[in-house]
Amino acid sequence: MNKEDDGAPARLDAAQACHDDEPERAAALLRGLDPAQLPVDRLPGLAFLLNHVLGEKCGAWGEAHERQAALLRAAGDKPAAGLWRQAAAAARAA
């Protein structure tokens, strides 16, 4: 088993580590990540990477927007303001 198979936090760490040099690999890691499996304090980092990698680097703003919506659902009743900001940016660009 490699580090990327160790669960959602490890997948997020791996995506963060490779996103600039290997955006397609980072995108694949993000696509396989369930935000409900992350601690709430890791959601802002995921929200940023969804827009940065899927939207900015891969041009998949529609997908980034869909994944931001799933992230907001996973965040519970009171998502942090930063999550709303990232979701709004993806919605605007989609």
N, C-alpha and C. Protein backbone atom coordinates (compact mmCIF):
# COMPACT_ATOMS: atom_id res chain seq x y z
N MET A 1 0.85 -1.19 0.00
CA MET A 1 0.00 0.00 0.00
C MET A 1 0.89 1.24 0.00
N ASN A 2 0.56 2.19 -0.86
CA ASN A 2 1.35 3.42 -0.86
C ASN A 2 0.65 4.50 -0.06
N LYS A 3 1.34 5.59 0.15
CA LYS A 3 0.82 6.67 0.99
C LYS A 3 -0.53 7.19 0.51
N GLU A 4 -0.74 7.22 -0.81
CA GLU A 4 -1.98 7.74 -1.36
C GLU A 4 -3.18 6.85 -1.02
N ASP A 5 -2.94 5.60 -0.63
CA ASP A 5 -4.02 4.69 -0.29
C ASP A 5 -4.35 4.70 1.20
N ASP A 6 -3.71 5.57 1.97
CA ASP A 6 -3.88 5.59 3.41
C ASP A 6 -5.09 6.40 3.88
N GLY A 7 -5.98 6.76 3.00
CA GLY A 7 -7.17 7.50 3.39
C GLY A 7 -7.18 8.91 2.85
N ALA A 8 -8.29 9.58 3.12
CA ALA A 8 -8.52 10.92 2.58
C ALA A 8 -7.44 11.93 2.98
N PRO A 9 -7.02 12.00 4.25
CA PRO A 9 -5.98 12.97 4.58
C PRO A 9 -4.67 12.73 3.81
N ALA A 10 -4.30 11.48 3.64
CA ALA A 10 -3.07 11.17 2.90
C ALA A 10 -3.22 11.52 1.42
N ARG A 11 -4.40 11.29 0.86
CA ARG A 11 -4.64 11.65 -0.54
C ARG A 11 -4.56 13.17 -0.72
N LEU A 12 -5.12 13.91 0.23
CA LEU A 12 -5.06 15.37 0.17
C LEU A 12 -3.61 15.84 0.27
N ASP A 13 -2.85 15.25 1.18
CA ASP A 13 -1.43 15.60 1.31
C ASP A 13 -0.67 15.32 0.01
N ALA A 14 -0.96 14.17 -0.61
CA ALA A 14 -0.28 13.81 -1.85
C ALA A 14 -0.65 14.78 -2.98
N ALA A 15 -1.92 15.16 -3.05
CA ALA A 15 -2.35 16.13 -4.07
C ALA A 15 -1.68 17.48 -3.85
N GLN A 16 -1.60 17.89 -2.60
CA GLN A 16 -0.93 19.16 -2.28
C GLN A 16 0.53 19.12 -2.70
N ALA A 17 1.18 18.00 -2.45
CA ALA A 17 2.61 17.88 -2.73
C ALA A 17 2.93 17.90 -4.23
N CYS A 18 2.02 17.39 -5.06
CA CYS A 18 2.35 17.23 -6.48
C CYS A 18 1.60 18.19 -7.40
N HIS A 19 0.70 19.01 -6.87
CA HIS A 19 -0.21 19.75 -7.75
C HIS A 19 0.47 20.71 -8.72
N ASP A 20 1.58 21.30 -8.37
CA ASP A 20 2.24 22.23 -9.30
C ASP A 20 2.99 21.50 -10.41
N ASP A 21 3.68 20.43 -10.06
CA ASP A 21 4.49 19.70 -11.04
C ASP A 21 3.70 18.66 -11.81
N GLU A 22 2.66 18.09 -11.18
CA GLU A 22 1.87 17.03 -11.80
C GLU A 22 0.37 17.30 -11.60
N PRO A 23 -0.17 18.33 -12.25
CA PRO A 23 -1.57 18.68 -12.01
C PRO A 23 -2.56 17.56 -12.36
N GLU A 24 -2.28 16.77 -13.38
CA GLU A 24 -3.21 15.68 -13.73
C GLU A 24 -3.23 14.61 -12.64
N ARG A 25 -2.08 14.32 -12.07
CA ARG A 25 -2.03 13.36 -10.96
C ARG A 25 -2.77 13.93 -9.75
N ALA A 26 -2.55 15.20 -9.46
CA ALA A 26 -3.25 15.84 -8.35
C ALA A 26 -4.76 15.81 -8.59
N ALA A 27 -5.18 16.07 -9.83
CA ALA A 27 -6.60 16.05 -10.15
C ALA A 27 -7.18 14.66 -9.91
N ALA A 28 -6.46 13.62 -10.30
CA ALA A 28 -6.94 12.26 -10.08
C ALA A 28 -7.06 11.96 -8.58
N LEU A 29 -6.11 12.42 -7.80
CA LEU A 29 -6.18 12.23 -6.35
C LEU A 29 -7.40 12.96 -5.78
N LEU A 30 -7.63 14.18 -6.23
CA LEU A 30 -8.77 14.95 -5.73
C LEU A 30 -10.09 14.32 -6.14
N ARG A 31 -10.15 13.77 -7.34
CA ARG A 31 -11.38 13.12 -7.81
C ARG A 31 -11.72 11.89 -6.99
N GLY A 32 -10.71 11.24 -6.43
CA GLY A 32 -10.93 10.05 -5.63
C GLY A 32 -11.11 10.32 -4.15
N LEU A 33 -11.21 11.57 -3.79
CA LEU A 33 -11.27 11.96 -2.39
C LEU A 33 -12.71 12.29 -1.98
N ASP A 34 -13.16 11.69 -0.90
CA ASP A 34 -14.49 11.98 -0.34
C ASP A 34 -14.31 13.01 0.76
N PRO A 35 -14.84 14.23 0.58
CA PRO A 35 -14.64 15.27 1.60
C PRO A 35 -15.23 14.90 2.96
N ALA A 36 -16.21 14.04 2.98
CA ALA A 36 -16.80 13.62 4.26
C ALA A 36 -15.81 12.80 5.09
N GLN A 37 -14.76 12.31 4.47
CA GLN A 37 -13.75 11.52 5.18
C GLN A 37 -12.61 12.37 5.74
N LEU A 38 -12.69 13.67 5.54
CA LEU A 38 -11.64 14.57 6.04
C LEU A 38 -12.09 15.24 7.33
N PRO A 39 -11.14 15.54 8.22
CA PRO A 39 -11.48 16.38 9.37
C PRO A 39 -11.88 17.77 8.87
N VAL A 40 -12.77 18.43 9.57
CA VAL A 40 -13.29 19.74 9.15
C VAL A 40 -12.16 20.74 8.94
N ASP A 41 -11.11 20.67 9.74
CA ASP A 41 -10.03 21.64 9.58
C ASP A 41 -9.22 21.45 8.30
N ARG A 42 -9.41 20.34 7.59
CA ARG A 42 -8.72 20.10 6.32
C ARG A 42 -9.56 20.55 5.11
N LEU A 43 -10.83 20.88 5.33
CA LEU A 43 -11.70 21.24 4.22
C LEU A 43 -11.27 22.52 3.48
N PRO A 44 -10.78 23.56 4.17
CA PRO A 44 -10.33 24.74 3.41
C PRO A 44 -9.20 24.43 2.43
N GLY A 45 -8.29 23.57 2.81
CA GLY A 45 -7.21 23.19 1.90
C GLY A 45 -7.74 22.44 0.69
N LEU A 46 -8.71 21.57 0.91
CA LEU A 46 -9.34 20.86 -0.20
C LEU A 46 -10.07 21.84 -1.10
N ALA A 47 -10.81 22.77 -0.51
CA ALA A 47 -11.55 23.74 -1.31
C ALA A 47 -10.61 24.53 -2.22
N PHE A 48 -9.49 24.96 -1.67
CA PHE A 48 -8.50 25.69 -2.47
C PHE A 48 -7.99 24.82 -3.62
N LEU A 49 -7.59 23.58 -3.31
CA LEU A 49 -7.02 22.73 -4.35
C LEU A 49 -8.03 22.38 -5.44
N LEU A 50 -9.29 22.22 -5.08
CA LEU A 50 -10.30 21.93 -6.10
C LEU A 50 -10.32 23.03 -7.15
N ASN A 51 -10.34 24.27 -6.71
CA ASN A 51 -10.35 25.38 -7.66
C ASN A 51 -9.01 25.54 -8.38
N HIS A 52 -7.94 25.46 -7.63
CA HIS A 52 -6.61 25.68 -8.20
C HIS A 52 -6.26 24.60 -9.22
N VAL A 53 -6.50 23.34 -8.86
CA VAL A 53 -6.10 22.24 -9.74
C VAL A 53 -7.16 21.98 -10.81
N LEU A 54 -8.38 21.65 -10.39
CA LEU A 54 -9.40 21.31 -11.38
C LEU A 54 -9.78 22.52 -12.24
N GLY A 55 -9.97 23.66 -11.60
CA GLY A 55 -10.39 24.84 -12.34
C GLY A 55 -9.26 25.52 -13.08
N GLU A 56 -8.29 26.04 -12.35
CA GLU A 56 -7.23 26.85 -12.96
C GLU A 56 -6.27 26.03 -13.82
N LYS A 57 -5.82 24.90 -13.32
CA LYS A 57 -4.80 24.14 -14.05
C LYS A 57 -5.39 23.23 -15.12
N CYS A 58 -6.57 22.63 -14.85
CA CYS A 58 -7.15 21.67 -15.79
C CYS A 58 -8.31 22.25 -16.60
N GLY A 59 -8.77 23.44 -16.26
CA GLY A 59 -9.86 24.06 -17.00
C GLY A 59 -11.21 23.40 -16.79
N ALA A 60 -11.36 22.65 -15.71
CA ALA A 60 -12.60 21.92 -15.43
C ALA A 60 -13.39 22.63 -14.33
N TRP A 61 -13.80 23.86 -14.62
CA TRP A 61 -14.51 24.66 -13.61
C TRP A 61 -15.86 24.06 -13.25
N GLY A 62 -16.55 23.44 -14.19
CA GLY A 62 -17.82 22.80 -13.87
C GLY A 62 -17.65 21.69 -12.85
N GLU A 63 -16.62 20.89 -13.04
CA GLU A 63 -16.32 19.83 -12.08
C GLU A 63 -15.91 20.41 -10.73
N ALA A 64 -15.09 21.45 -10.76
CA ALA A 64 -14.70 22.09 -9.50
C ALA A 64 -15.93 22.58 -8.75
N HIS A 65 -16.86 23.17 -9.47
CA HIS A 65 -18.10 23.66 -8.86
C HIS A 65 -18.90 22.52 -8.24
N GLU A 66 -19.05 21.41 -8.95
CA GLU A 66 -19.77 20.25 -8.42
C GLU A 66 -19.10 19.72 -7.16
N ARG A 67 -17.80 19.65 -7.17
CA ARG A 67 -17.07 19.12 -6.01
C ARG A 67 -17.10 20.11 -4.84
N GLN A 68 -17.15 21.40 -5.13
CA GLN A 68 -17.30 22.39 -4.05
C GLN A 68 -18.66 22.21 -3.38
N ALA A 69 -19.70 21.92 -4.15
CA ALA A 69 -21.03 21.70 -3.57
C ALA A 69 -21.01 20.49 -2.65
N ALA A 70 -20.35 19.42 -3.06
CA ALA A 70 -20.23 18.24 -2.20
C ALA A 70 -19.44 18.55 -0.94
N LEU A 71 -18.42 19.37 -1.07
CA LEU A 71 -17.62 19.77 0.08
C LEU A 71 -18.48 20.57 1.07
N LEU A 72 -19.29 21.48 0.57
CA LEU A 72 -20.18 22.25 1.46
C LEU A 72 -21.14 21.33 2.20
N ARG A 73 -21.66 20.32 1.52
CA ARG A 73 -22.55 19.36 2.19
C ARG A 73 -21.80 18.62 3.29
N ALA A 74 -20.56 18.26 3.03
CA ALA A 74 -19.76 17.53 4.02
C ALA A 74 -19.37 18.41 5.20
N ALA A 75 -19.38 19.73 5.01
CA ALA A 75 -18.95 20.65 6.07
C ALA A 75 -19.97 20.80 7.18
N GLY A 76 -21.18 20.34 6.97
CA GLY A 76 -22.18 20.41 8.03
C GLY A 76 -23.04 21.66 7.96
N ASP A 77 -23.65 21.98 9.10
CA ASP A 77 -24.64 23.06 9.16
C ASP A 77 -24.07 24.45 8.99
N LYS A 78 -22.83 24.66 9.39
CA LYS A 78 -22.25 26.01 9.34
C LYS A 78 -20.87 25.97 8.69
N PRO A 79 -20.82 25.84 7.36
CA PRO A 79 -19.52 25.84 6.70
C PRO A 79 -18.77 27.15 6.92
N ALA A 80 -17.48 27.07 7.02
CA ALA A 80 -16.64 28.26 7.19
C ALA A 80 -16.80 29.19 5.99
N ALA A 81 -16.64 30.47 6.22
CA ALA A 81 -16.80 31.47 5.16
C ALA A 81 -15.87 31.21 3.98
N GLY A 82 -14.67 30.73 4.25
CA GLY A 82 -13.72 30.45 3.18
C GLY A 82 -14.22 29.37 2.23
N LEU A 83 -14.99 28.43 2.75
CA LEU A 83 -15.55 27.39 1.89
C LEU A 83 -16.59 27.99 0.95
N TRP A 84 -17.40 28.89 1.47
CA TRP A 84 -18.39 29.57 0.62
C TRP A 84 -17.70 30.39 -0.46
N ARG A 85 -16.61 31.04 -0.09
CA ARG A 85 -15.87 31.87 -1.06
C ARG A 85 -15.33 31.02 -2.20
N GLN A 86 -14.74 29.88 -1.88
CA GLN A 86 -14.22 29.00 -2.92
C GLN A 86 -15.35 28.45 -3.79
N ALA A 87 -16.47 28.09 -3.16
CA ALA A 87 -17.61 27.58 -3.92
C ALA A 87 -18.16 28.65 -4.86
N ALA A 88 -18.24 29.88 -4.37
CA ALA A 88 -18.75 30.98 -5.21
C ALA A 88 -17.81 31.25 -6.39
N ALA A 89 -16.52 31.18 -6.15
CA ALA A 89 -15.56 31.39 -7.23
C ALA A 89 -15.71 30.32 -8.31
N ALA A 90 -15.88 29.07 -7.88
CA ALA A 90 -16.06 27.98 -8.85
C ALA A 90 -17.37 28.15 -9.61
N ALA A 91 -18.42 28.55 -8.91
CA ALA A 91 -19.72 28.74 -9.57
C ALA A 91 -19.62 29.85 -10.61
N ARG A 92 -18.94 30.90 -10.28
CA ARG A 92 -18.80 32.04 -11.19
C ARG A 92 -18.01 31.66 -12.44
N ALA A 93 -16.97 30.85 -12.25
CA ALA A 93 -16.11 30.48 -13.37
C ALA A 93 -16.68 29.33 -14.21
N ALA A 94 -17.60 28.57 -13.64
CA ALA A 94 -18.16 27.40 -14.35
C ALA A 94 -18.99 27.79 -15.55
